Amino acid sequence: MLTPARALKAQLATEVPVIGLMATDHAWPFLVEICKKSGLDYLVVDCEHGHFSDELVSHLCQIGRLANFPVLVRTISCEPSVVRRTIDLGPSGILIPCVETTAQLDQVRQAAMMPPRGRRRPGGMGNYWLKDFHYNTWKNDFEEHFIVIPQIESKLGVENVESIASHPLVTAVGLGPYDLSADMGCCWYPEREEFVAALDHIKAAADSVGKKVWAGCDGPMLRAKGYTFLWIGTATMILTNALSQSVQVIKESAASSSSRTEMPPPA
């Protein structure tokens, strides 16, 4: 059974913050365990912008399955062969970039579900979620729990967000703020009134059908605005910031020590 996805969906049904990490520039198998041990709720492997092999992605998903930790994959498109191949690698769900219409989601459903609801032809590591391969097992233990998050990254996506959010395949609605700002002609000026209004419109559409909005990276700011489904940055960004902070603390400590007046030894 797709247990990690089912658990993540249960978390999303509450108002408790659900916090994850994106792996875009750098991913390695132990990262899944690091995420779990640190208290994160999920990991996204970015195959839209990352350079990861199918073998590595499959290994990350396998560790997620064995560790009961949700590993999601962001695809490069909603093209059926891409979706089918991604699901065969064994993730708990997918993020789909730049979704603009429900027709695209219908296409994803065809690729993600077995006949008669779709046209999926399963194989690979994704099969290891199940105890057997009868249709009802696929339907009840896999398809009903599989996570699908379409990202809104264009003006057309914003215009159609109500129908996208209400589509039965959709678990949550994803923000793609940088690409959206570019499409709106305000790249990257997130304080622009029309851009803020677009984000508010997306959140209102998701709220109206009881679905969360996936957003990042400023967790405290997003929490203050009512977002609870968060990602806090990429693995590379988090590591860089942590190393920079450690270096700065050491340098400040050394400077402080060198400026102290030397005291005589105690008598």
Protein backbone atom coordinates (compact mmCIF):
# COMPACT_ATOMS: atom_id res chain seq x y z
CA MET A 1 0.00 0.00 0.00
CA LEU A 2 1.06 3.58 -0.66
CA THR A 3 1.28 4.18 3.08
CA PRO A 4 3.53 7.30 3.12
CA ALA A 5 1.21 9.10 0.69
CA ARG A 6 -1.85 8.15 2.71
CA ALA A 7 -0.19 9.52 5.86
CA LEU A 8 0.81 12.74 4.11
CA LYS A 9 -2.74 13.24 2.84
CA ALA A 10 -4.00 12.76 6.39
CA GLN A 11 -1.61 15.48 7.58
CA LEU A 12 -2.83 17.80 4.83
CA ALA A 13 -6.39 17.34 6.06
CA THR A 14 -5.39 19.12 9.30
CA GLU A 15 -4.06 22.61 10.01
CA VAL A 16 -0.72 21.27 11.27
CA PRO A 17 2.24 22.59 9.24
CA VAL A 18 3.50 20.04 6.70
CA ILE A 19 7.11 20.85 5.87
CA GLY A 20 9.37 19.45 3.17
CA LEU A 21 12.56 19.91 1.19
CA MET A 22 13.34 20.14 -2.52
CA ALA A 23 16.35 18.39 -4.06
CA THR A 24 17.24 20.20 -7.29
CA ASP A 25 21.02 20.52 -7.67
CA HIS A 26 22.10 17.70 -5.40
CA ALA A 27 20.47 14.47 -4.20
CA TRP A 28 21.90 11.31 -2.72
CA PRO A 29 20.26 8.24 -1.13
CA PHE A 30 21.04 9.14 2.49
CA LEU A 31 19.16 12.43 2.01
CA VAL A 32 15.88 10.57 2.56
CA GLU A 33 17.02 9.42 6.00
CA ILE A 34 18.36 12.89 6.81
CA CYS A 35 14.96 14.39 5.98
CA LYS A 36 13.15 11.89 8.17
CA LYS A 37 15.55 12.25 11.10
CA SER A 38 15.34 16.05 10.95
CA GLY A 39 11.56 15.98 11.35
CA LEU A 40 10.63 16.94 7.80
CA ASP A 41 7.43 15.48 6.38
CA TYR A 42 8.42 14.84 2.75
CA LEU A 43 11.09 15.24 0.08
CA VAL A 44 10.63 16.42 -3.51
CA VAL A 45 13.12 15.19 -6.11
CA ASP A 46 13.18 17.83 -8.84
CA CYS A 47 13.38 16.13 -12.23
CA GLU A 48 12.22 19.28 -14.01
CA HIS A 49 15.45 21.16 -13.32
CA GLY A 50 17.68 18.50 -11.73
CA HIS A 51 20.09 16.25 -13.62
CA PHE A 52 19.25 13.00 -11.84
CA SER A 53 19.31 9.58 -13.46
CA ASP A 54 16.32 7.26 -13.36
CA GLU A 55 18.41 4.88 -11.28
CA LEU A 56 19.07 7.49 -8.59
CA VAL A 57 15.44 8.65 -8.50
CA SER A 58 14.27 5.05 -8.23
CA HIS A 59 16.71 4.44 -5.37
CA LEU A 60 15.50 7.54 -3.51
CA CYS A 61 11.89 6.40 -3.93
CA GLN A 62 12.79 2.89 -2.78
CA ILE A 63 14.36 4.22 0.41
CA GLY A 64 11.27 6.34 0.97
CA ARG A 65 9.09 3.24 0.61
CA LEU A 66 11.23 1.19 3.01
CA ALA A 67 11.54 4.08 5.51
CA ASN A 68 7.82 4.93 5.24
CA PHE A 69 8.71 8.49 4.20
CA PRO A 70 7.01 10.34 1.31
CA VAL A 71 9.28 10.99 -1.66
CA LEU A 72 7.59 13.00 -4.41
CA VAL A 73 8.99 13.69 -7.87
CA ARG A 74 8.55 16.86 -9.92
CA THR A 75 8.22 15.85 -13.55
CA ILE A 76 9.43 17.85 -16.53
CA SER A 77 5.94 17.90 -18.09
CA CYS A 78 2.48 16.32 -17.99
CA GLU A 79 3.12 14.34 -21.17
CA PRO A 80 1.72 10.80 -20.64
CA SER A 81 4.96 8.90 -21.25
CA VAL A 82 6.76 11.17 -18.77
CA VAL A 83 4.08 10.62 -16.12
CA ARG A 84 3.99 6.85 -16.65
CA ARG A 85 7.77 6.57 -16.48
CA THR A 86 7.93 8.69 -13.33
CA ILE A 87 5.30 6.61 -11.53
CA ASP A 88 7.17 3.43 -12.46
CA LEU A 89 10.16 4.79 -10.50
CA GLY A 90 8.10 4.44 -7.32
CA PRO A 91 7.30 7.88 -5.82
CA SER A 92 4.47 8.62 -3.41
CA GLY A 93 3.26 11.33 -5.76
CA ILE A 94 4.17 13.88 -8.40
CA LEU A 95 4.37 17.64 -8.85
CA ILE A 96 3.46 18.76 -12.34
CA PRO A 97 4.92 22.06 -13.58
CA CYS A 98 2.95 24.78 -15.36
CA VAL A 99 -0.52 23.27 -15.39
CA GLU A 100 -2.94 25.59 -17.18
CA THR A 101 -6.06 23.52 -17.92
CA THR A 102 -8.04 20.57 -16.62
CA ALA A 103 -7.39 18.86 -19.97
CA GLN A 104 -3.78 18.46 -18.85
CA LEU A 105 -4.95 16.86 -15.61
CA ASP A 106 -7.21 14.51 -17.55
CA GLN A 107 -4.11 13.51 -19.48
CA VAL A 108 -2.24 12.85 -16.24
CA ARG A 109 -5.12 10.75 -14.93
CA GLN A 110 -5.01 8.60 -18.06
CA ALA A 111 -1.30 7.97 -17.47
CA ALA A 112 -1.60 7.42 -13.72
CA MET A 113 -4.60 5.10 -13.47
CA MET A 114 -5.22 1.56 -14.61
CA PRO A 115 -8.00 0.68 -17.07
CA PRO A 116 -10.91 1.33 -17.10
CA ARG A 117 -10.22 4.69 -15.39
CA GLY A 118 -6.99 5.27 -17.30
CA ARG A 119 -4.46 3.68 -19.62
CA ARG A 120 -1.51 3.02 -17.33
CA ARG A 121 0.79 0.07 -18.04
CA PRO A 122 2.60 -0.47 -14.72
CA GLY A 123 6.07 -1.80 -14.11
CA GLY A 124 9.36 -1.12 -12.37
CA MET A 125 9.90 -0.24 -8.72
CA GLY A 126 6.44 1.31 -8.50
CA ASN A 127 4.99 -2.20 -8.42
CA TYR A 128 6.64 -2.93 -5.07
CA TRP A 129 4.05 -0.85 -3.23
CA LEU A 130 1.48 -3.62 -3.71
CA LYS A 131 0.90 -7.11 -2.30
CA ASP A 132 -0.72 -8.27 -5.55
CA PHE A 133 -1.62 -6.81 -8.93
CA HIS A 134 -5.40 -7.18 -9.12
CA TYR A 135 -7.27 -4.10 -10.32
CA ASN A 136 -8.96 -3.45 -6.97
CA THR A 137 -5.56 -3.49 -5.26
CA TRP A 138 -4.24 -0.86 -7.65
CA LYS A 139 -7.37 1.23 -7.17
CA ASN A 140 -7.71 0.99 -3.39
CA ASP A 141 -4.09 0.68 -2.24
CA PHE A 142 -2.34 2.91 -4.78
CA GLU A 143 -4.45 5.21 -6.94
CA GLU A 144 -6.68 6.48 -4.11
CA HIS A 145 -3.61 7.62 -2.14
CA PHE A 146 -1.29 8.83 -4.92
CA ILE A 147 -0.48 12.54 -4.55
CA VAL A 148 -0.83 14.93 -7.49
CA ILE A 149 0.12 18.60 -7.17
CA PRO A 150 -0.28 20.82 -10.26
CA GLN A 151 1.80 24.00 -10.15
CA ILE A 152 0.24 27.28 -11.25
CA GLU A 153 2.98 29.15 -13.10
CA SER A 154 1.23 31.23 -15.77
CA LYS A 155 -1.54 33.78 -16.24
CA LEU A 156 -3.68 31.13 -17.93
CA GLY A 157 -3.19 28.83 -14.97
CA VAL A 158 -4.39 31.58 -12.63
CA GLU A 159 -7.44 32.17 -14.84
CA ASN A 160 -8.34 28.47 -14.68
CA VAL A 161 -7.28 27.80 -11.09
CA GLU A 162 -10.82 27.21 -9.81
CA SER A 163 -11.38 24.30 -12.19
CA ILE A 164 -7.84 23.01 -11.66
CA ALA A 165 -8.19 23.04 -7.87
CA SER A 166 -11.54 21.25 -7.97
CA HIS A 167 -10.33 18.48 -10.30
CA PRO A 168 -10.73 15.13 -8.47
CA LEU A 169 -7.15 14.07 -9.24
CA VAL A 170 -5.66 17.07 -7.43
CA THR A 171 -4.39 16.66 -3.87
CA ALA A 172 -3.16 20.24 -3.43
CA VAL A 173 -2.39 23.25 -5.63
CA GLY A 174 1.26 24.23 -6.07
CA LEU A 175 2.63 27.73 -6.44
CA GLY A 176 5.33 28.45 -9.02
CA PRO A 177 5.96 32.07 -8.07
CA TYR A 178 9.09 32.84 -10.06
CA ASP A 179 7.80 31.56 -13.39
CA LEU A 180 4.41 33.11 -12.69
CA SER A 181 5.98 36.50 -12.08
CA ALA A 182 7.88 36.18 -15.36
CA ASP A 183 4.71 35.33 -17.28
CA MET A 184 2.96 38.31 -15.67
CA GLY A 185 5.74 40.69 -16.71
CA CYS A 186 7.05 41.39 -13.20
CA CYS A 187 10.03 39.01 -12.95
CA TRP A 188 11.18 38.95 -10.08
CA TYR A 189 9.21 41.65 -8.22
CA PRO A 190 7.06 39.65 -5.81
CA GLU A 191 5.77 42.77 -4.10
CA ARG A 192 3.91 43.94 -7.23
CA GLU A 193 0.21 44.41 -6.53
CA GLU A 194 -0.99 42.32 -9.47
CA PHE A 195 1.32 39.45 -8.52
CA VAL A 196 0.20 39.45 -4.88
CA ALA A 197 -3.41 39.48 -6.09
CA ALA A 198 -2.71 36.43 -8.29
CA LEU A 199 -1.29 34.49 -5.34
CA ASP A 200 -4.29 35.46 -3.20
CA HIS A 201 -6.60 34.30 -5.98
CA ILE A 202 -4.86 30.91 -6.16
CA LYS A 203 -5.11 30.42 -2.39
CA ALA A 204 -8.76 31.44 -2.34
CA ALA A 205 -9.56 28.95 -5.10
CA ALA A 206 -7.84 26.13 -3.23
CA ASP A 207 -9.45 27.12 0.08
CA SER A 208 -12.90 27.09 -1.52
CA VAL A 209 -12.60 23.37 -2.31
CA GLY A 210 -10.83 22.42 0.91
CA LYS A 211 -7.37 21.91 -0.58
CA LYS A 212 -4.00 23.20 0.57
CA VAL A 213 -1.55 25.33 -1.40
CA TRP A 214 2.02 24.06 -1.65
CA ALA A 215 4.35 27.04 -1.21
CA GLY A 216 7.94 27.98 -0.36
CA CYS A 217 10.47 29.04 0.76
CA ASP A 218 9.97 31.62 3.56
CA GLY A 219 8.21 29.36 6.04
CA PRO A 220 7.50 31.87 8.84
CA MET A 221 6.14 34.48 6.39
CA LEU A 222 3.96 31.91 4.62
CA ARG A 223 2.65 30.56 7.93
CA ALA A 224 1.64 34.09 8.91
CA LYS A 225 -0.38 34.27 5.67
CA GLY A 226 -2.20 31.03 6.43
CA TYR A 227 -0.18 28.55 4.35
CA THR A 228 0.49 25.18 5.99
CA PHE A 229 1.85 23.00 3.14
CA LEU A 230 5.40 24.30 2.90
CA TRP A 231 8.82 23.60 1.47
CA ILE A 232 11.73 25.37 3.10
CA GLY A 233 14.20 25.45 0.20
CA THR A 234 16.51 23.18 -1.72
CA ALA A 235 19.01 20.84 -0.08
CA THR A 236 21.84 22.88 -1.60
CA MET A 237 20.42 26.17 -0.33
CA ILE A 238 19.88 24.84 3.20
CA LEU A 239 23.41 23.38 3.33
CA THR A 240 24.99 26.57 1.96
CA ASN A 241 23.17 28.75 4.49
CA ALA A 242 24.08 26.45 7.39
CA LEU A 243 27.76 26.38 6.39
CA SER A 244 27.83 30.16 5.91
CA GLN A 245 26.29 30.69 9.32
CA SER A 246 28.81 28.34 10.99
CA VAL A 247 31.74 30.08 9.29
CA GLN A 248 30.42 33.50 10.32
CA VAL A 249 29.99 32.43 13.95
CA ILE A 250 33.56 31.10 14.08
CA LYS A 251 35.00 34.26 12.49
CA GLU A 252 33.07 36.52 14.86
CA SER A 253 34.20 34.42 17.80
CA ALA A 254 37.84 34.62 16.68
CA ALA A 255 37.62 38.39 16.22
CA SER A 256 36.07 38.79 19.64
CA SER A 257 38.79 36.66 21.26
CA SER A 258 41.64 38.59 19.61
CA SER A 259 40.27 41.94 20.78
CA ARG A 260 40.16 40.99 24.44
CA THR A 261 42.75 42.48 26.84
CA GLU A 262 45.11 39.77 28.01
CA MET A 263 44.70 39.07 31.70
CA PRO A 264 47.54 37.94 33.97
CA PRO A 265 47.41 34.34 35.15
CA PRO A 266 45.71 33.75 38.48
CA ALA A 267 48.02 33.91 41.48
